Amino acid sequence: MTAWNKGVVHILVIYKCLSKLLASARYYLGLVSILLDENKGYLLSEK
């Protein structure tokens, strides 16, 4: 039973780490897309 509990704890820890990574990845992707949109507008206005 204790081994099973340890396994569950490991899964929960891994899940928390993955969700944190996904959240930060989404945040950075949002920043990159905003920067790209601004650059596109800038390039279009230059022409």
PDB file of N, CA and C in Angstrom:
ATOM      1  N   MET A   1       0.837  -1.201   0.000  1.00  0.00           N
ATOM      2  CA  MET A   1       0.000   0.000   0.000  1.00  0.00           C
ATOM      3  C   MET A   1       0.871   1.250   0.000  1.00  0.00           C
ATOM      4  N   THR A   2       1.973   1.231   0.771  1.00  0.00           N
ATOM      5  CA  THR A   2       2.820   2.420   0.823  1.00  0.00           C
ATOM      6  C   THR A   2       3.482   2.661  -0.535  1.00  0.00           C
ATOM      7  N   ALA A   3       3.874   1.588  -1.213  1.00  0.00           N
ATOM      8  CA  ALA A   3       4.484   1.740  -2.534  1.00  0.00           C
ATOM      9  C   ALA A   3       3.480   2.370  -3.494  1.00  0.00           C
ATOM     10  N   TRP A   4       2.224   1.945  -3.387  1.00  0.00           N
ATOM     11  CA  TRP A   4       1.181   2.501  -4.250  1.00  0.00           C
ATOM     12  C   TRP A   4       1.002   3.987  -3.969  1.00  0.00           C
ATOM     13  N   ASN A   5       1.015   4.345  -2.667  1.00  0.00           N
ATOM     14  CA  ASN A   5       0.887   5.752  -2.299  1.00  0.00           C
ATOM     15  C   ASN A   5       2.053   6.566  -2.867  1.00  0.00           C
ATOM     16  N   LYS A   6       3.265   6.003  -2.785  1.00  0.00           N
ATOM     17  CA  LYS A   6       4.431   6.702  -3.336  1.00  0.00           C
ATOM     18  C   LYS A   6       4.254   6.915  -4.827  1.00  0.00           C
ATOM     19  N   GLY A   7       3.727   5.905  -5.530  1.00  0.00           N
ATOM     20  CA  GLY A   7       3.503   6.021  -6.970  1.00  0.00           C
ATOM     21  C   GLY A   7       2.529   7.145  -7.275  1.00  0.00           C
ATOM     22  N   VAL A   8       1.461   7.239  -6.491  1.00  0.00           N
ATOM     23  CA  VAL A   8       0.473   8.301  -6.704  1.00  0.00           C
ATOM     24  C   VAL A   8       1.105   9.664  -6.472  1.00  0.00           C
ATOM     25  N   VAL A   9       1.916   9.767  -5.419  1.00  0.00           N
ATOM     26  CA  VAL A   9       2.581  11.043  -5.128  1.00  0.00           C
ATOM     27  C   VAL A   9       3.505  11.429  -6.286  1.00  0.00           C
ATOM     28  N   HIS A  10       4.251  10.446  -6.806  1.00  0.00           N
ATOM     29  CA  HIS A  10       5.140  10.726  -7.942  1.00  0.00           C
ATOM     30  C   HIS A  10       4.343  11.245  -9.132  1.00  0.00           C
ATOM     31  N   ILE A  11       3.209  10.586  -9.424  1.00  0.00           N
ATOM     32  CA  ILE A  11       2.380  10.994 -10.560  1.00  0.00           C
ATOM     33  C   ILE A  11       1.873  12.421 -10.351  1.00  0.00           C
ATOM     34  N   LEU A  12       1.443  12.731  -9.123  1.00  0.00           N
ATOM     35  CA  LEU A  12       0.934  14.074  -8.847  1.00  0.00           C
ATOM     36  C   LEU A  12       2.036  15.120  -9.020  1.00  0.00           C
ATOM     37  N   VAL A  13       3.245  14.804  -8.536  1.00  0.00           N
ATOM     38  CA  VAL A  13       4.357  15.751  -8.665  1.00  0.00           C
ATOM     39  C   VAL A  13       4.690  15.975 -10.139  1.00  0.00           C
ATOM     40  N   ILE A  14       4.758  14.885 -10.901  1.00  0.00           N
ATOM     41  CA  ILE A  14       5.062  15.001 -12.335  1.00  0.00           C
ATOM     42  C   ILE A  14       3.973  15.814 -13.026  1.00  0.00           C
ATOM     43  N   TYR A  15       2.707  15.554 -12.666  1.00  0.00           N
ATOM     44  CA  TYR A  15       1.586  16.272 -13.280  1.00  0.00           C
ATOM     45  C   TYR A  15       1.680  17.766 -12.980  1.00  0.00           C
ATOM     46  N   LYS A  16       2.018  18.113 -11.726  1.00  0.00           N
ATOM     47  CA  LYS A  16       2.150  19.524 -11.356  1.00  0.00           C
ATOM     48  C   LYS A  16       3.263  20.181 -12.166  1.00  0.00           C
ATOM     49  N   CYS A  17       4.407  19.505 -12.285  1.00  0.00           N
ATOM     50  CA  CYS A  17       5.526  20.060 -13.045  1.00  0.00           C
ATOM     51  C   CYS A  17       5.134  20.257 -14.502  1.00  0.00           C
ATOM     52  N   LEU A  18       4.448  19.264 -15.079  1.00  0.00           N
ATOM     53  CA  LEU A  18       4.043  19.363 -16.486  1.00  0.00           C
ATOM     54  C   LEU A  18       3.057  20.506 -16.686  1.00  0.00           C
ATOM     55  N   SER A  19       2.119  20.666 -15.761  1.00  0.00           N
ATOM     56  CA  SER A  19       1.137  21.741 -15.916  1.00  0.00           C
ATOM     57  C   SER A  19       1.822  23.106 -15.800  1.00  0.00           C
ATOM     58  N   LYS A  20       2.829  23.212 -14.916  1.00  0.00           N
ATOM     59  CA  LYS A  20       3.582  24.464 -14.814  1.00  0.00           C
ATOM     60  C   LYS A  20       4.316  24.741 -16.120  1.00  0.00           C
ATOM     61  N   LEU A  21       4.949  23.707 -16.683  1.00  0.00           N
ATOM     62  CA  LEU A  21       5.664  23.870 -17.949  1.00  0.00           C
ATOM     63  C   LEU A  21       4.710  24.279 -19.055  1.00  0.00           C
ATOM     64  N   LEU A  22       3.534  23.651 -19.100  1.00  0.00           N
ATOM     65  CA  LEU A  22       2.552  23.991 -20.136  1.00  0.00           C
ATOM     66  C   LEU A  22       2.086  25.437 -19.979  1.00  0.00           C
ATOM     67  N   ALA A  23       1.852  25.848 -18.744  1.00  0.00           N
ATOM     68  CA  ALA A  23       1.399  27.217 -18.513  1.00  0.00           C
ATOM     69  C   ALA A  23       2.454  28.216 -18.972  1.00  0.00           C
ATOM     70  N   SER A  24       3.727  27.978 -18.631  1.00  0.00           N
ATOM     71  CA  SER A  24       4.780  28.909 -19.036  1.00  0.00           C
ATOM     72  C   SER A  24       4.981  28.860 -20.550  1.00  0.00           C
ATOM     73  N   ALA A  25       4.840  27.672 -21.143  1.00  0.00           N
ATOM     74  CA  ALA A  25       4.982  27.560 -22.598  1.00  0.00           C
ATOM     75  C   ALA A  25       3.881  28.362 -23.287  1.00  0.00           C
ATOM     76  N   ARG A  26       2.643  28.258 -22.788  1.00  0.00           N
ATOM     77  CA  ARG A  26       1.541  29.023 -23.372  1.00  0.00           C
ATOM     78  C   ARG A  26       1.811  30.510 -23.227  1.00  0.00           C
ATOM     79  N   TYR A  27       2.332  30.919 -22.055  1.00  0.00           N
ATOM     80  CA  TYR A  27       2.628  32.331 -21.809  1.00  0.00           C
ATOM     81  C   TYR A  27       3.658  32.841 -22.809  1.00  0.00           C
ATOM     82  N   TYR A  28       4.756  32.082 -22.994  1.00  0.00           N
ATOM     83  CA  TYR A  28       5.799  32.511 -23.927  1.00  0.00           C
ATOM     84  C   TYR A  28       5.303  32.493 -25.369  1.00  0.00           C
ATOM     85  N   LEU A  29       4.476  31.503 -25.724  1.00  0.00           N
ATOM     86  CA  LEU A  29       3.921  31.459 -27.078  1.00  0.00           C
ATOM     87  C   LEU A  29       3.039  32.679 -27.308  1.00  0.00           C
ATOM     88  N   GLY A  30       2.287  33.078 -26.296  1.00  0.00           N
ATOM     89  CA  GLY A  30       1.457  34.276 -26.413  1.00  0.00           C
ATOM     90  C   GLY A  30       2.318  35.509 -26.643  1.00  0.00           C
ATOM     91  N   LEU A  31       3.413  35.636 -25.889  1.00  0.00           N
ATOM     92  CA  LEU A  31       4.317  36.769 -26.067  1.00  0.00           C
ATOM     93  C   LEU A  31       4.905  36.776 -27.477  1.00  0.00           C
ATOM     94  N   VAL A  32       5.348  35.620 -27.943  1.00  0.00           N
ATOM     95  CA  VAL A  32       5.956  35.522 -29.275  1.00  0.00           C
ATOM     96  C   VAL A  32       4.952  35.897 -30.350  1.00  0.00           C
ATOM     97  N   SER A  33       3.711  35.412 -30.220  1.00  0.00           N
ATOM     98  CA  SER A  33       2.708  35.721 -31.238  1.00  0.00           C
ATOM     99  C   SER A  33       2.395  37.216 -31.240  1.00  0.00           C
ATOM    100  N   ILE A  34       2.360  37.842 -30.054  1.00  0.00           N
ATOM    101  CA  ILE A  34       2.116  39.286 -29.975  1.00  0.00           C
ATOM    102  C   ILE A  34       3.255  40.035 -30.666  1.00  0.00           C
ATOM    103  N   LEU A  35       4.496  39.624 -30.384  1.00  0.00           N
ATOM    104  CA  LEU A  35       5.643  40.279 -31.016  1.00  0.00           C
ATOM    105  C   LEU A  35       5.600  40.107 -32.531  1.00  0.00           C
ATOM    106  N   LEU A  36       5.259  38.910 -32.993  1.00  0.00           N
ATOM    107  CA  LEU A  36       5.185  38.663 -34.434  1.00  0.00           C
ATOM    108  C   LEU A  36       4.096  39.518 -35.065  1.00  0.00           C
ATOM    109  N   ASP A  37       2.942  39.632 -34.405  1.00  0.00           N
ATOM    110  CA  ASP A  37       1.862  40.457 -34.941  1.00  0.00           C
ATOM    111  C   ASP A  37       2.313  41.913 -35.038  1.00  0.00           C
ATOM    112  N   GLU A  38       3.005  42.405 -34.022  1.00  0.00           N
ATOM    113  CA  GLU A  38       3.482  43.787 -34.054  1.00  0.00           C
ATOM    114  C   GLU A  38       4.495  43.973 -35.174  1.00  0.00           C
ATOM    115  N   ASN A  39       5.392  42.989 -35.349  1.00  0.00           N
ATOM    116  CA  ASN A  39       6.382  43.086 -36.420  1.00  0.00           C
ATOM    117  C   ASN A  39       5.705  43.067 -37.783  1.00  0.00           C
ATOM    118  N   LYS A  40       4.667  42.241 -37.940  1.00  0.00           N
ATOM    119  CA  LYS A  40       3.946  42.186 -39.210  1.00  0.00           C
ATOM    120  C   LYS A  40       3.334  43.550 -39.512  1.00  0.00           C
ATOM    121  N   GLY A  41       2.693  44.143 -38.517  1.00  0.00           N
ATOM    122  CA  GLY A  41       2.089  45.459 -38.714  1.00  0.00           C
ATOM    123  C   GLY A  41       3.149  46.483 -39.082  1.00  0.00           C
ATOM    124  N   TYR A  42       4.297  46.409 -38.430  1.00  0.00           N
ATOM    125  CA  TYR A  42       5.379  47.343 -38.697  1.00  0.00           C
ATOM    126  C   TYR A  42       5.904  47.167 -40.124  1.00  0.00           C
ATOM    127  N   LEU A  43       6.107  45.907 -40.514  1.00  0.00           N
ATOM    128  CA  LEU A  43       6.610  45.633 -41.864  1.00  0.00           C
ATOM    129  C   LEU A  43       5.597  46.078 -42.919  1.00  0.00           C
ATOM    130  N   LEU A  44       4.316  45.844 -42.661  1.00  0.00           N
ATOM    131  CA  LEU A  44       3.283  46.236 -43.631  1.00  0.00           C
ATOM    132  C   LEU A  44       3.214  47.752 -43.749  1.00  0.00           C
ATOM    133  N   SER A  45       3.362  48.465 -42.649  1.00  0.00           N
ATOM    134  CA  SER A  45       3.273  49.924 -42.700  1.00  0.00           C
ATOM    135  C   SER A  45       4.520  50.520 -43.364  1.00  0.00           C
ATOM    136  N   GLU A  46       5.636  49.798 -43.338  1.00  0.00           N
ATOM    137  CA  GLU A  46       6.873  50.290 -43.975  1.00  0.00           C
ATOM    138  C   GLU A  46       6.738  50.311 -45.493  1.00  0.00           C
ATOM    139  N   LYS A  47       5.963  49.331 -46.039  1.00  0.00           N
ATOM    140  CA  LYS A  47       5.880  49.206 -47.499  1.00  0.00           C
ATOM    141  C   LYS A  47       5.111  50.320 -48.154  1.00  0.00           C
TER     142      LYS A  47
END
